[in-house]
Amino acid sequence: MGMLCRSVDLMREGRKRGYAVPAYDTFNYESTKMVFEAAEQAGTPVIIMYYNDGYIAMDTFAAMVKSLGAKSSVPFSVHLDHSPDFETCMRAIQSGFTSIMLDASKRPFDENVKETRRVVEAACPMGIDVEGELGIVGREEKVDRDRFTQPAEARRFAEETGVDSLAVAIGNSHGVYIEEPRLEIELLKGIAAAADLPLVLHGTSMIPVDQLKEAVRHGITKTNIATEYLMYYRDQLARILAGDKPPKVIGALLEAAHRPVVDFIAEKMRVLNPDGLTLL
């Protein structure tokens, strides 16, 4: 039976042992079930994330994840991804999420600190862990290396906000990469040494396997994934529909795509355990 956890507890265990916890944005019952099955297949804890513009209501999403998680065999958490403000974070807590992220990274440093600390001060007494973000992680644009997370600022941000985990910008980007990803591993090492807390890599989709493994070995303990598996899911549906005898009803179509997508997700999850540890 799956165990509902705080995200930070899952990440701390990963940090101690040398693996990262896969975190997936899901958007409906089918995609959430796929991620849980993939986690069981890969033998890893998993973080299920709600993206702020999702079309499922927060409380419905949390209840769905907890129901599926209780039937699984892996530890899991329910996380709010990229909340734009304090009010959204509070709604997520009321809806039953176990962790939240406030993304104030595009604001000036002092404003980011102030807004993030406000969320931490409200959430932590309720046992809810908080992820902050420092540096600019773009979306489908040329990576701006002048806006990467810097070690000294990461240390100060962690100390002044009290966040439980920190999302960093080290060459990663949301969505589809428009140039070959190139993570700055030496910068990551500096951040990990300066800020004593779990580090998060957003935009994990399509990062080369060797770079991803190196990132995990040097401080990344949570990886956010959405674009890559959703594109693969789309391609599987298109392939099935283009076949000689496509399913006549939506249920059969979704079922036909289910196993290939689960296998795809599970393979990505295994990359985050670079030394092949037995996790569960």
Foldseek 3Di string as FASTA:
>chain_A
DEAEDAPLVQLVVCLVVQFAAEEEEDADLQRLLLLLLLCLVLQGEHEYEHEPPHPDDLLVVQVSNVVSRVVGDHYYFYEYPADAALVVLVVNVVSPGQEYEHEPQVDPLVVQLVRLLVNCVVVVVVNHAYEYEHFDAEAQDPDDPVRWDAQVSLLVSCVSRVHQEYETGQQAHAADHPDQTDGDLVRLLSNCVRHPHAYEYERPPPHDLVVLSSSSNRGHHYYYDYRRLVVVLVVQLVVQVPDPDRDPDPVVSSVSSSVVSSNVSSVVSNSRVVVPDNDD
